[in-house]
PDB file of all heavy atoms in Angstrom:
ATOM      1  N   ASN A   1      -2.490   5.713 -16.941  1.00  0.00           N
ATOM      2  CA  ASN A   1      -2.712   6.664 -15.860  1.00  0.00           C
ATOM      3  C   ASN A   1      -1.488   6.922 -15.004  1.00  0.00           C
ATOM      4  O   ASN A   1      -1.543   7.734 -14.061  1.00  0.00           O
ATOM      5  CB  ASN A   1      -3.885   6.206 -14.983  1.00  0.00           C
ATOM      6  CG  ASN A   1      -3.567   4.885 -14.226  1.00  0.00           C
ATOM      7  OD1 ASN A   1      -2.505   4.295 -14.373  1.00  0.00           O
ATOM      8  ND2 ASN A   1      -4.520   4.442 -13.434  1.00  0.00           N
ATOM      9  N   LYS A   2      -0.379   6.228 -15.301  1.00  0.00           N
ATOM     10  CA  LYS A   2       0.905   6.407 -14.589  1.00  0.00           C
ATOM     11  C   LYS A   2       0.817   6.054 -13.106  1.00  0.00           C
ATOM     12  O   LYS A   2       1.670   6.462 -12.317  1.00  0.00           O
ATOM     13  CB  LYS A   2       1.410   7.851 -14.728  1.00  0.00           C
ATOM     14  CG  LYS A   2       1.598   8.320 -16.163  1.00  0.00           C
ATOM     15  CD  LYS A   2       2.716   7.597 -16.875  1.00  0.00           C
ATOM     16  CE  LYS A   2       2.951   8.148 -18.254  1.00  0.00           C
ATOM     17  NZ  LYS A   2       4.067   7.459 -18.965  1.00  0.00           N
ATOM     18  N   ALA A   3      -0.172   5.271 -12.723  1.00  0.00           N
ATOM     19  CA  ALA A   3      -0.286   4.889 -11.319  1.00  0.00           C
ATOM     20  C   ALA A   3       0.840   3.957 -10.881  1.00  0.00           C
ATOM     21  O   ALA A   3       1.342   3.160 -11.683  1.00  0.00           O
ATOM     22  CB  ALA A   3      -1.645   4.207 -11.060  1.00  0.00           C
ATOM     23  N   VAL A   4       1.205   4.075  -9.626  1.00  0.00           N
ATOM     24  CA  VAL A   4       2.138   3.163  -8.984  1.00  0.00           C
ATOM     25  C   VAL A   4       1.317   2.194  -8.113  1.00  0.00           C
ATOM     26  O   VAL A   4       0.423   2.641  -7.370  1.00  0.00           O
ATOM     27  CB  VAL A   4       3.171   3.906  -8.107  1.00  0.00           C
ATOM     28  CG1 VAL A   4       3.947   2.955  -7.228  1.00  0.00           C
ATOM     29  CG2 VAL A   4       4.103   4.688  -8.989  1.00  0.00           C
ATOM     30  N   VAL A   5       1.616   0.907  -8.200  1.00  0.00           N
ATOM     31  CA  VAL A   5       0.887  -0.059  -7.402  1.00  0.00           C
ATOM     32  C   VAL A   5       1.659  -0.284  -6.092  1.00  0.00           C
ATOM     33  O   VAL A   5       2.863  -0.657  -6.114  1.00  0.00           O
ATOM     34  CB  VAL A   5       0.745  -1.384  -8.136  1.00  0.00           C
ATOM     35  CG1 VAL A   5       0.015  -2.426  -7.291  1.00  0.00           C
ATOM     36  CG2 VAL A   5       0.001  -1.169  -9.474  1.00  0.00           C
ATOM     37  N   VAL A   6       0.977  -0.034  -4.957  1.00  0.00           N
ATOM     38  CA  VAL A   6       1.551  -0.318  -3.658  1.00  0.00           C
ATOM     39  C   VAL A   6       0.961  -1.650  -3.175  1.00  0.00           C
ATOM     40  O   VAL A   6      -0.251  -1.754  -3.049  1.00  0.00           O
ATOM     41  CB  VAL A   6       1.277   0.808  -2.647  1.00  0.00           C
ATOM     42  CG1 VAL A   6       1.834   0.457  -1.268  1.00  0.00           C
ATOM     43  CG2 VAL A   6       1.842   2.123  -3.170  1.00  0.00           C
ATOM     44  N   GLU A   7       1.828  -2.623  -2.965  1.00  0.00           N
ATOM     45  CA  GLU A   7       1.387  -3.968  -2.610  1.00  0.00           C
ATOM     46  C   GLU A   7       1.455  -4.173  -1.092  1.00  0.00           C
ATOM     47  O   GLU A   7       2.436  -3.771  -0.453  1.00  0.00           O
ATOM     48  CB  GLU A   7       2.293  -5.009  -3.271  1.00  0.00           C
ATOM     49  CG  GLU A   7       2.342  -4.880  -4.785  1.00  0.00           C
ATOM     50  CD  GLU A   7       3.415  -5.785  -5.351  1.00  0.00           C
ATOM     51  OE1 GLU A   7       4.574  -5.754  -4.869  1.00  0.00           O
ATOM     52  OE2 GLU A   7       3.119  -6.537  -6.307  1.00  0.00           O
ATOM     53  N   HIS A   8       0.449  -4.832  -0.543  1.00  0.00           N
ATOM     54  CA  HIS A   8       0.413  -5.134   0.891  1.00  0.00           C
ATOM     55  C   HIS A   8       0.131  -6.585   1.122  1.00  0.00           C
ATOM     56  O   HIS A   8      -0.352  -7.301   0.231  1.00  0.00           O
ATOM     57  CB  HIS A   8      -0.628  -4.249   1.590  1.00  0.00           C
ATOM     58  CG  HIS A   8      -2.025  -4.499   1.058  1.00  0.00           C
ATOM     59  ND1 HIS A   8      -2.844  -5.493   1.554  1.00  0.00           N
ATOM     60  CD2 HIS A   8      -2.734  -3.862   0.103  1.00  0.00           C
ATOM     61  CE1 HIS A   8      -3.999  -5.459   0.927  1.00  0.00           C
ATOM     62  NE2 HIS A   8      -3.944  -4.502   0.026  1.00  0.00           N
ATOM     63  N   ASP A   9       0.380  -7.001   2.311  1.00  0.00           N
ATOM     64  CA  ASP A   9       0.220  -8.414   2.699  1.00  0.00           C
ATOM     65  C   ASP A   9      -1.246  -8.683   3.059  1.00  0.00           C
ATOM     66  O   ASP A   9      -1.897  -7.895   3.726  1.00  0.00           O
ATOM     67  CB  ASP A   9       1.122  -8.668   3.920  1.00  0.00           C
ATOM     68  CG  ASP A   9       1.208 -10.131   4.313  1.00  0.00           C
ATOM     69  OD1 ASP A   9       0.692 -10.988   3.579  1.00  0.00           O
ATOM     70  OD2 ASP A   9       1.805 -10.420   5.378  1.00  0.00           O
ATOM     71  N   LYS A  10      -1.743  -9.845   2.590  1.00  0.00           N
ATOM     72  CA  LYS A  10      -3.116 -10.227   2.959  1.00  0.00           C
ATOM     73  C   LYS A  10      -3.252 -11.732   2.747  1.00  0.00           C
ATOM     74  O   LYS A  10      -3.052 -12.265   1.637  1.00  0.00           O
ATOM     75  CB  LYS A  10      -4.128  -9.490   2.094  1.00  0.00           C
ATOM     76  CG  LYS A  10      -5.579  -9.820   2.483  1.00  0.00           C
ATOM     77  CD  LYS A  10      -6.540  -9.002   1.603  1.00  0.00           C
ATOM     78  CE  LYS A  10      -7.983  -9.292   1.981  1.00  0.00           C
ATOM     79  NZ  LYS A  10      -8.955  -8.589   1.134  1.00  0.00           N
ATOM     80  N   ASN A  11      -3.607 -12.414   3.840  1.00  0.00           N
ATOM     81  CA  ASN A  11      -3.938 -13.860   3.782  1.00  0.00           C
ATOM     82  C   ASN A  11      -2.833 -14.726   3.178  1.00  0.00           C
ATOM     83  O   ASN A  11      -3.087 -15.623   2.370  1.00  0.00           O
ATOM     84  CB  ASN A  11      -5.212 -14.045   2.934  1.00  0.00           C
ATOM     85  CG  ASN A  11      -6.422 -13.331   3.542  1.00  0.00           C
ATOM     86  OD1 ASN A  11      -6.506 -13.206   4.779  1.00  0.00           O
ATOM     87  ND2 ASN A  11      -7.318 -12.891   2.721  1.00  0.00           N
ATOM     88  N   ASN A  12      -1.619 -14.507   3.614  1.00  0.00           N
ATOM     89  CA  ASN A  12      -0.528 -15.368   3.187  1.00  0.00           C
ATOM     90  C   ASN A  12      -0.160 -16.331   4.315  1.00  0.00           C
ATOM     91  O   ASN A  12      -1.016 -16.740   5.082  1.00  0.00           O
ATOM     92  CB  ASN A  12       0.650 -14.515   2.725  1.00  0.00           C
ATOM     93  CG  ASN A  12       0.368 -13.886   1.344  1.00  0.00           C
ATOM     94  OD1 ASN A  12       0.300 -14.564   0.339  1.00  0.00           O
ATOM     95  ND2 ASN A  12       0.162 -12.575   1.344  1.00  0.00           N
ATOM     96  N   ILE A  13       1.101 -16.720   4.437  1.00  0.00           N
ATOM     97  CA  ILE A  13       1.504 -17.779   5.386  1.00  0.00           C
ATOM     98  C   ILE A  13       1.200 -17.362   6.798  1.00  0.00           C
ATOM     99  O   ILE A  13       0.687 -18.134   7.629  1.00  0.00           O
ATOM    100  CB  ILE A  13       2.980 -18.124   5.210  1.00  0.00           C
ATOM    101  CG1 ILE A  13       3.275 -18.637   3.789  1.00  0.00           C
ATOM    102  CG2 ILE A  13       3.400 -19.147   6.259  1.00  0.00           C
ATOM    103  CD1 ILE A  13       2.514 -19.907   3.449  1.00  0.00           C
ATOM    104  N   THR A  14       1.525 -16.107   7.127  1.00  0.00           N
ATOM    105  CA  THR A  14       1.385 -15.639   8.499  1.00  0.00           C
ATOM    106  C   THR A  14       0.362 -14.506   8.544  1.00  0.00           C
ATOM    107  O   THR A  14       0.650 -13.396   8.084  1.00  0.00           O
ATOM    108  CB  THR A  14       2.729 -15.141   9.063  1.00  0.00           C
ATOM    109  OG1 THR A  14       3.689 -16.167   8.934  1.00  0.00           O
ATOM    110  CG2 THR A  14       2.614 -14.771  10.534  1.00  0.00           C
ATOM    111  N   PRO A  15      -0.803 -14.703   9.097  1.00  0.00           N
ATOM    112  CA  PRO A  15      -1.823 -13.663   9.077  1.00  0.00           C
ATOM    113  C   PRO A  15      -1.561 -12.518  10.068  1.00  0.00           C
ATOM    114  O   PRO A  15      -2.100 -11.417   9.898  1.00  0.00           O
ATOM    115  CB  PRO A  15      -3.110 -14.406   9.446  1.00  0.00           C
ATOM    116  CG  PRO A  15      -2.645 -15.589  10.256  1.00  0.00           C
ATOM    117  CD  PRO A  15      -1.337 -15.980   9.664  1.00  0.00           C
ATOM    118  N   ASN A  16      -0.739 -12.744  11.057  1.00  0.00           N
ATOM    119  CA  ASN A  16      -0.542 -11.743  12.107  1.00  0.00           C
ATOM    120  C   ASN A  16       0.179 -10.491  11.612  1.00  0.00           C
ATOM    121  O   ASN A  16       0.213  -9.487  12.345  1.00  0.00           O
ATOM    122  CB  ASN A  16       0.222 -12.338  13.289  1.00  0.00           C
ATOM    123  CG  ASN A  16      -0.596 -13.404  14.023  1.00  0.00           C
ATOM    124  OD1 ASN A  16      -1.824 -13.442  13.905  1.00  0.00           O
ATOM    125  ND2 ASN A  16       0.083 -14.279  14.765  1.00  0.00           N
ATOM    126  N   ASN A  17       0.823 -10.583  10.467  1.00  0.00           N
ATOM    127  CA  ASN A  17       1.537  -9.370   9.971  1.00  0.00           C
ATOM    128  C   ASN A  17       0.758  -8.578   8.934  1.00  0.00           C
ATOM    129  O   ASN A  17       1.235  -7.593   8.392  1.00  0.00           O
ATOM    130  CB  ASN A  17       2.922  -9.759   9.401  1.00  0.00           C
ATOM    131  CG  ASN A  17       2.867 -10.980   8.451  1.00  0.00           C
ATOM    132  OD1 ASN A  17       1.767 -11.330   7.976  1.00  0.00           O
ATOM    133  ND2 ASN A  17       3.971 -11.576   8.178  1.00  0.00           N
ATOM    134  N   ASP A  18      -0.474  -9.018   8.630  1.00  0.00           N
ATOM    135  CA  ASP A  18      -1.265  -8.327   7.614  1.00  0.00           C
ATOM    136  C   ASP A  18      -1.546  -6.860   8.006  1.00  0.00           C
ATOM    137  O   ASP A  18      -1.407  -5.941   7.164  1.00  0.00           O
ATOM    138  CB  ASP A  18      -2.581  -9.049   7.387  1.00  0.00           C
ATOM    139  CG  ASP A  18      -2.437 -10.340   6.636  1.00  0.00           C
ATOM    140  OD1 ASP A  18      -1.284 -10.765   6.367  1.00  0.00           O
ATOM    141  OD2 ASP A  18      -3.489 -10.965   6.324  1.00  0.00           O
ATOM    142  N   GLN A  19      -1.971  -6.651   9.221  1.00  0.00           N
ATOM    143  CA  GLN A  19      -2.388  -5.322   9.633  1.00  0.00           C
ATOM    144  C   GLN A  19      -1.254  -4.314   9.547  1.00  0.00           C
ATOM    145  O   GLN A  19      -1.443  -3.180   9.048  1.00  0.00           O
ATOM    146  CB  GLN A  19      -2.988  -5.362  11.035  1.00  0.00           C
ATOM    147  CG  GLN A  19      -3.584  -4.031  11.477  1.00  0.00           C
ATOM    148  CD  GLN A  19      -4.291  -4.121  12.841  1.00  0.00           C
ATOM    149  OE1 GLN A  19      -4.328  -5.199  13.458  1.00  0.00           O
ATOM    150  NE2 GLN A  19      -4.864  -3.038  13.292  1.00  0.00           N
ATOM    151  N   ALA A  20      -0.085  -4.705  10.005  1.00  0.00           N
ATOM    152  CA  ALA A  20       1.076  -3.790   9.974  1.00  0.00           C
ATOM    153  C   ALA A  20       1.487  -3.522   8.546  1.00  0.00           C
ATOM    154  O   ALA A  20       1.819  -2.363   8.193  1.00  0.00           O
ATOM    155  CB  ALA A  20       2.236  -4.388  10.731  1.00  0.00           C
ATOM    156  N   SER A  21       1.438  -4.509   7.699  1.00  0.00           N
ATOM    157  CA  SER A  21       1.780  -4.311   6.291  1.00  0.00           C
ATOM    158  C   SER A  21       0.838  -3.330   5.626  1.00  0.00           C
ATOM    159  O   SER A  21       1.275  -2.396   4.924  1.00  0.00           O
ATOM    160  CB  SER A  21       1.694  -5.646   5.537  1.00  0.00           C
ATOM    161  OG  SER A  21       1.782  -5.478   4.142  1.00  0.00           O
ATOM    162  N   GLN A  22      -0.455  -3.501   5.893  1.00  0.00           N
ATOM    163  CA  GLN A  22      -1.419  -2.608   5.276  1.00  0.00           C
ATOM    164  C   GLN A  22      -1.280  -1.195   5.809  1.00  0.00           C
ATOM    165  O   GLN A  22      -1.462  -0.204   5.063  1.00  0.00           O
ATOM    166  CB  GLN A  22      -2.828  -3.136   5.504  1.00  0.00           C
ATOM    167  CG  GLN A  22      -3.063  -4.457   4.716  1.00  0.00           C
ATOM    168  CD  GLN A  22      -4.457  -5.033   4.983  1.00  0.00           C
ATOM    169  OE1 GLN A  22      -5.431  -4.304   5.066  1.00  0.00           O
ATOM    170  NE2 GLN A  22      -4.558  -6.375   5.082  1.00  0.00           N
ATOM    171  N   PHE A  23      -0.911  -1.050   7.084  1.00  0.00           N
ATOM    172  CA  PHE A  23      -0.715   0.254   7.660  1.00  0.00           C
ATOM    173  C   PHE A  23       0.443   0.988   6.989  1.00  0.00           C
ATOM    174  O   PHE A  23       0.293   2.173   6.569  1.00  0.00           O
ATOM    175  CB  PHE A  23      -0.440   0.153   9.166  1.00  0.00           C
ATOM    176  CG  PHE A  23      -0.026   1.437   9.789  1.00  0.00           C
ATOM    177  CD1 PHE A  23      -0.955   2.457  10.025  1.00  0.00           C
ATOM    178  CD2 PHE A  23       1.297   1.683  10.118  1.00  0.00           C
ATOM    179  CE1 PHE A  23      -0.570   3.660  10.606  1.00  0.00           C
ATOM    180  CE2 PHE A  23       1.733   2.863  10.672  1.00  0.00           C
ATOM    181  CZ  PHE A  23       0.767   3.875  10.907  1.00  0.00           C
ATOM    182  N   PHE A  24       1.611   0.330   6.833  1.00  0.00           N
ATOM    183  CA  PHE A  24       2.736   1.005   6.207  1.00  0.00           C
ATOM    184  C   PHE A  24       2.471   1.263   4.737  1.00  0.00           C
ATOM    185  O   PHE A  24       2.821   2.351   4.225  1.00  0.00           O
ATOM    186  CB  PHE A  24       4.001   0.152   6.367  1.00  0.00           C
ATOM    187  CG  PHE A  24       4.615   0.258   7.740  1.00  0.00           C
ATOM    188  CD1 PHE A  24       4.701  -0.842   8.557  1.00  0.00           C
ATOM    189  CD2 PHE A  24       5.116   1.462   8.203  1.00  0.00           C
ATOM    190  CE1 PHE A  24       5.273  -0.765   9.843  1.00  0.00           C
ATOM    191  CE2 PHE A  24       5.680   1.561   9.478  1.00  0.00           C
ATOM    192  CZ  PHE A  24       5.759   0.442  10.268  1.00  0.00           C
ATOM    193  N   ALA A  25       1.870   0.286   4.048  1.00  0.00           N
ATOM    194  CA  ALA A  25       1.546   0.487   2.637  1.00  0.00           C
ATOM    195  C   ALA A  25       0.611   1.698   2.444  1.00  0.00           C
ATOM    196  O   ALA A  25       0.824   2.528   1.536  1.00  0.00           O
ATOM    197  CB  ALA A  25       0.918  -0.781   2.061  1.00  0.00           C
ATOM    198  N   GLU A  26      -0.388   1.790   3.273  1.00  0.00           N
ATOM    199  CA  GLU A  26      -1.344   2.898   3.146  1.00  0.00           C
ATOM    200  C   GLU A  26      -0.701   4.242   3.512  1.00  0.00           C
ATOM    201  O   GLU A  26      -1.009   5.282   2.888  1.00  0.00           O
ATOM    202  CB  GLU A  26      -2.570   2.673   4.010  1.00  0.00           C
ATOM    203  CG  GLU A  26      -3.471   1.553   3.504  1.00  0.00           C
ATOM    204  CD  GLU A  26      -4.761   1.401   4.354  1.00  0.00           C
ATOM    205  OE1 GLU A  26      -4.936   2.197   5.281  1.00  0.00           O
ATOM    206  OE2 GLU A  26      -5.525   0.479   4.042  1.00  0.00           O
ATOM    207  N   THR A  27       0.149   4.237   4.512  1.00  0.00           N
ATOM    208  CA  THR A  27       0.843   5.483   4.903  1.00  0.00           C
ATOM    209  C   THR A  27       1.740   5.982   3.775  1.00  0.00           C
ATOM    210  O   THR A  27       1.674   7.183   3.422  1.00  0.00           O
ATOM    211  CB  THR A  27       1.700   5.230   6.153  1.00  0.00           C
ATOM    212  OG1 THR A  27       0.861   4.788   7.230  1.00  0.00           O
ATOM    213  CG2 THR A  27       2.422   6.521   6.580  1.00  0.00           C
ATOM    214  N   VAL A  28       2.492   5.110   3.173  1.00  0.00           N
ATOM    215  CA  VAL A  28       3.368   5.479   2.067  1.00  0.00           C
ATOM    216  C   VAL A  28       2.524   5.901   0.861  1.00  0.00           C
ATOM    217  O   VAL A  28       2.831   6.900   0.181  1.00  0.00           O
ATOM    218  CB  VAL A  28       4.300   4.328   1.700  1.00  0.00           C
ATOM    219  CG1 VAL A  28       5.066   4.590   0.374  1.00  0.00           C
ATOM    220  CG2 VAL A  28       5.325   4.096   2.805  1.00  0.00           C
ATOM    221  N   ALA A  29       1.436   5.194   0.615  1.00  0.00           N
ATOM    222  CA  ALA A  29       0.548   5.544  -0.512  1.00  0.00           C
ATOM    223  C   ALA A  29      -0.071   6.927  -0.328  1.00  0.00           C
ATOM    224  O   ALA A  29      -0.186   7.707  -1.287  1.00  0.00           O
ATOM    225  CB  ALA A  29      -0.546   4.489  -0.634  1.00  0.00           C
ATOM    226  N   GLN A  30      -0.463   7.240   0.918  1.00  0.00           N
ATOM    227  CA  GLN A  30      -1.071   8.540   1.183  1.00  0.00           C
ATOM    228  C   GLN A  30      -0.069   9.670   0.904  1.00  0.00           C
ATOM    229  O   GLN A  30      -0.437  10.667   0.278  1.00  0.00           O
ATOM    230  CB  GLN A  30      -1.538   8.582   2.648  1.00  0.00           C
ATOM    231  CG  GLN A  30      -1.926   9.954   3.152  1.00  0.00           C
ATOM    232  CD  GLN A  30      -3.170  10.527   2.484  1.00  0.00           C
ATOM    233  OE1 GLN A  30      -3.839   9.823   1.734  1.00  0.00           O
ATOM    234  NE2 GLN A  30      -3.452  11.776   2.746  1.00  0.00           N
ATOM    235  N   VAL A  31       1.137   9.524   1.357  1.00  0.00           N
ATOM    236  CA  VAL A  31       2.159  10.571   1.108  1.00  0.00           C
ATOM    237  C   VAL A  31       2.422  10.672  -0.377  1.00  0.00           C
ATOM    238  O   VAL A  31       2.514  11.821  -0.934  1.00  0.00           O
ATOM    239  CB  VAL A  31       3.466  10.234   1.864  1.00  0.00           C
ATOM    240  CG1 VAL A  31       4.559  11.225   1.496  1.00  0.00           C
ATOM    241  CG2 VAL A  31       3.203  10.278   3.366  1.00  0.00           C
ATOM    242  N   ALA A  32       2.529   9.564  -1.067  1.00  0.00           N
ATOM    243  CA  ALA A  32       2.790   9.608  -2.519  1.00  0.00           C
ATOM    244  C   ALA A  32       1.682  10.292  -3.287  1.00  0.00           C
ATOM    245  O   ALA A  32       1.957  11.141  -4.159  1.00  0.00           O
ATOM    246  CB  ALA A  32       2.997   8.180  -3.008  1.00  0.00           C
ATOM    247  N   GLN A  33       0.467   9.938  -2.940  1.00  0.00           N
ATOM    248  CA  GLN A  33      -0.673  10.473  -3.732  1.00  0.00           C
ATOM    249  C   GLN A  33      -0.993  11.909  -3.395  1.00  0.00           C
ATOM    250  O   GLN A  33      -1.255  12.723  -4.298  1.00  0.00           O
ATOM    251  CB  GLN A  33      -1.904   9.585  -3.467  1.00  0.00           C
ATOM    252  CG  GLN A  33      -3.090   9.935  -4.359  1.00  0.00           C
ATOM    253  CD  GLN A  33      -4.086   8.789  -4.395  1.00  0.00           C
ATOM    254  OE1 GLN A  33      -3.959   7.856  -5.176  1.00  0.00           O
ATOM    255  NE2 GLN A  33      -5.120   8.900  -3.572  1.00  0.00           N
ATOM    256  N   ASN A  34      -0.934  12.278  -2.117  1.00  0.00           N
ATOM    257  CA  ASN A  34      -1.376  13.604  -1.718  1.00  0.00           C
ATOM    258  C   ASN A  34      -0.239  14.653  -1.667  1.00  0.00           C
ATOM    259  O   ASN A  34      -0.532  15.835  -1.749  1.00  0.00           O
ATOM    260  CB  ASN A  34      -2.078  13.529  -0.369  1.00  0.00           C
ATOM    261  CG  ASN A  34      -3.492  12.989  -0.489  1.00  0.00           C
ATOM    262  OD1 ASN A  34      -3.786  12.243  -1.439  1.00  0.00           O
ATOM    263  ND2 ASN A  34      -4.340  13.371   0.437  1.00  0.00           N
ATOM    264  N   GLN A  35       0.996  14.189  -1.430  1.00  0.00           N
ATOM    265  CA  GLN A  35       2.095  15.128  -1.325  1.00  0.00           C
ATOM    266  C   GLN A  35       3.066  15.078  -2.482  1.00  0.00           C
ATOM    267  O   GLN A  35       3.685  16.113  -2.811  1.00  0.00           O
ATOM    268  CB  GLN A  35       2.811  14.914   0.007  1.00  0.00           C
ATOM    269  CG  GLN A  35       1.882  15.138   1.205  1.00  0.00           C
ATOM    270  CD  GLN A  35       2.584  15.089   2.513  1.00  0.00           C
ATOM    271  OE1 GLN A  35       3.658  15.685   2.725  1.00  0.00           O
ATOM    272  NE2 GLN A  35       2.026  14.339   3.484  1.00  0.00           N
ATOM    273  N   LEU A  36       3.245  13.937  -3.098  1.00  0.00           N
ATOM    274  CA  LEU A  36       4.093  13.819  -4.280  1.00  0.00           C
ATOM    275  C   LEU A  36       3.287  13.870  -5.562  1.00  0.00           C
ATOM    276  O   LEU A  36       3.835  13.876  -6.662  1.00  0.00           O
ATOM    277  CB  LEU A  36       4.920  12.528  -4.223  1.00  0.00           C
ATOM    278  CG  LEU A  36       5.964  12.425  -3.118  1.00  0.00           C
ATOM    279  CD1 LEU A  36       6.524  11.030  -3.060  1.00  0.00           C
ATOM    280  CD2 LEU A  36       7.068  13.462  -3.296  1.00  0.00           C
ATOM    281  N   ASN A  37       1.947  13.854  -5.446  1.00  0.00           N
ATOM    282  CA  ASN A  37       1.033  13.937  -6.574  1.00  0.00           C
ATOM    283  C   ASN A  37       1.259  12.776  -7.585  1.00  0.00           C
ATOM    284  O   ASN A  37       1.219  12.990  -8.798  1.00  0.00           O
ATOM    285  CB  ASN A  37       1.202  15.271  -7.291  1.00  0.00           C
ATOM    286  CG  ASN A  37       0.848  16.461  -6.397  1.00  0.00           C
ATOM    287  OD1 ASN A  37      -0.175  16.429  -5.701  1.00  0.00           O
ATOM    288  ND2 ASN A  37       1.714  17.453  -6.342  1.00  0.00           N
ATOM    289  N   ILE A  38       1.451  11.587  -7.055  1.00  0.00           N
ATOM    290  CA  ILE A  38       1.624  10.387  -7.840  1.00  0.00           C
ATOM    291  C   ILE A  38       0.414   9.519  -7.640  1.00  0.00           C
ATOM    292  O   ILE A  38       0.100   9.143  -6.511  1.00  0.00           O
ATOM    293  CB  ILE A  38       2.911   9.648  -7.448  1.00  0.00           C
ATOM    294  CG1 ILE A  38       4.157  10.529  -7.662  1.00  0.00           C
ATOM    295  CG2 ILE A  38       3.038   8.354  -8.234  1.00  0.00           C
ATOM    296  CD1 ILE A  38       5.419   9.977  -7.040  1.00  0.00           C
ATOM    297  N   PRO A  39      -0.320   9.152  -8.699  1.00  0.00           N
ATOM    298  CA  PRO A  39      -1.490   8.323  -8.518  1.00  0.00           C
ATOM    299  C   PRO A  39      -1.131   6.922  -8.009  1.00  0.00           C
ATOM    300  O   PRO A  39      -0.104   6.341  -8.425  1.00  0.00           O
ATOM    301  CB  PRO A  39      -2.127   8.238  -9.909  1.00  0.00           C
ATOM    302  CG  PRO A  39      -1.009   8.595 -10.844  1.00  0.00           C
ATOM    303  CD  PRO A  39      -0.093   9.535 -10.101  1.00  0.00           C
ATOM    304  N   ILE A  40      -1.951   6.401  -7.136  1.00  0.00           N
ATOM    305  CA  ILE A  40      -1.662   5.142  -6.455  1.00  0.00           C
ATOM    306  C   ILE A  40      -2.812   4.157  -6.622  1.00  0.00           C
ATOM    307  O   ILE A  40      -3.972   4.508  -6.553  1.00  0.00           O
ATOM    308  CB  ILE A  40      -1.416   5.375  -4.948  1.00  0.00           C
ATOM    309  CG1 ILE A  40      -0.182   6.267  -4.750  1.00  0.00           C
ATOM    310  CG2 ILE A  40      -1.259   4.049  -4.199  1.00  0.00           C
ATOM    311  CD1 ILE A  40       1.122   5.644  -5.195  1.00  0.00           C
ATOM    312  N   GLU A  41      -2.451   2.879  -6.827  1.00  0.00           N
ATOM    313  CA  GLU A  41      -3.398   1.787  -6.744  1.00  0.00           C
ATOM    314  C   GLU A  41      -2.891   0.771  -5.735  1.00  0.00           C
ATOM    315  O   GLU A  41      -1.684   0.804  -5.378  1.00  0.00           O
ATOM    316  CB  GLU A  41      -3.558   1.106  -8.105  1.00  0.00           C
ATOM    317  CG  GLU A  41      -4.221   1.996  -9.139  1.00  0.00           C
ATOM    318  CD  GLU A  41      -4.274   1.368 -10.529  1.00  0.00           C
ATOM    319  OE1 GLU A  41      -3.586   0.335 -10.723  1.00  0.00           O
ATOM    320  OE2 GLU A  41      -4.949   1.934 -11.395  1.00  0.00           O
ATOM    321  N   ARG A  42      -3.775  -0.073  -5.239  1.00  0.00           N
ATOM    322  CA  ARG A  42      -3.366  -1.088  -4.246  1.00  0.00           C
ATOM    323  C   ARG A  42      -3.548  -2.490  -4.821  1.00  0.00           C
ATOM    324  O   ARG A  42      -4.436  -2.749  -5.627  1.00  0.00           O
ATOM    325  CB  ARG A  42      -4.235  -0.945  -2.987  1.00  0.00           C
ATOM    326  CG  ARG A  42      -3.949   0.281  -2.184  1.00  0.00           C
ATOM    327  CD  ARG A  42      -4.904   0.419  -1.000  1.00  0.00           C
ATOM    328  NE  ARG A  42      -4.915  -0.763  -0.165  1.00  0.00           N
ATOM    329  CZ  ARG A  42      -5.740  -0.929   0.877  1.00  0.00           C
ATOM    330  NH1 ARG A  42      -6.619  -0.015   1.166  1.00  0.00           N
ATOM    331  NH2 ARG A  42      -5.689  -2.052   1.571  1.00  0.00           N
ATOM    332  N   ALA A  43      -2.696  -3.404  -4.358  1.00  0.00           N
ATOM    333  CA  ALA A  43      -2.853  -4.806  -4.681  1.00  0.00           C
ATOM    334  C   ALA A  43      -2.163  -5.620  -3.595  1.00  0.00           C
ATOM    335  O   ALA A  43      -1.565  -5.075  -2.671  1.00  0.00           O
ATOM    336  CB  ALA A  43      -2.219  -5.101  -6.059  1.00  0.00           C
ATOM    337  N   GLU A  44      -2.252  -6.920  -3.686  1.00  0.00           N
ATOM    338  CA  GLU A  44      -1.654  -7.798  -2.690  1.00  0.00           C
ATOM    339  C   GLU A  44      -0.256  -8.268  -3.125  1.00  0.00           C
ATOM    340  O   GLU A  44       0.018  -8.412  -4.323  1.00  0.00           O
ATOM    341  CB  GLU A  44      -2.570  -9.017  -2.477  1.00  0.00           C
ATOM    342  CG  GLU A  44      -3.919  -8.660  -1.935  1.00  0.00           C
ATOM    343  CD  GLU A  44      -4.877  -9.813  -1.951  1.00  0.00           C
ATOM    344  OE1 GLU A  44      -4.412 -10.985  -1.988  1.00  0.00           O
ATOM    345  OE2 GLU A  44      -6.114  -9.565  -1.958  1.00  0.00           O
TER     346      GLU A  44
END
């Protein structure tokens, strides 16, 4: 399917940075999928 996997932080050493990681990962994923027309999947 030619998808690109965008990885984000979740439940690692420092939990306080999870939310910011997921925000940036999702923002980049949204631009890639909707404006660059590149299919996206998520993982940790």
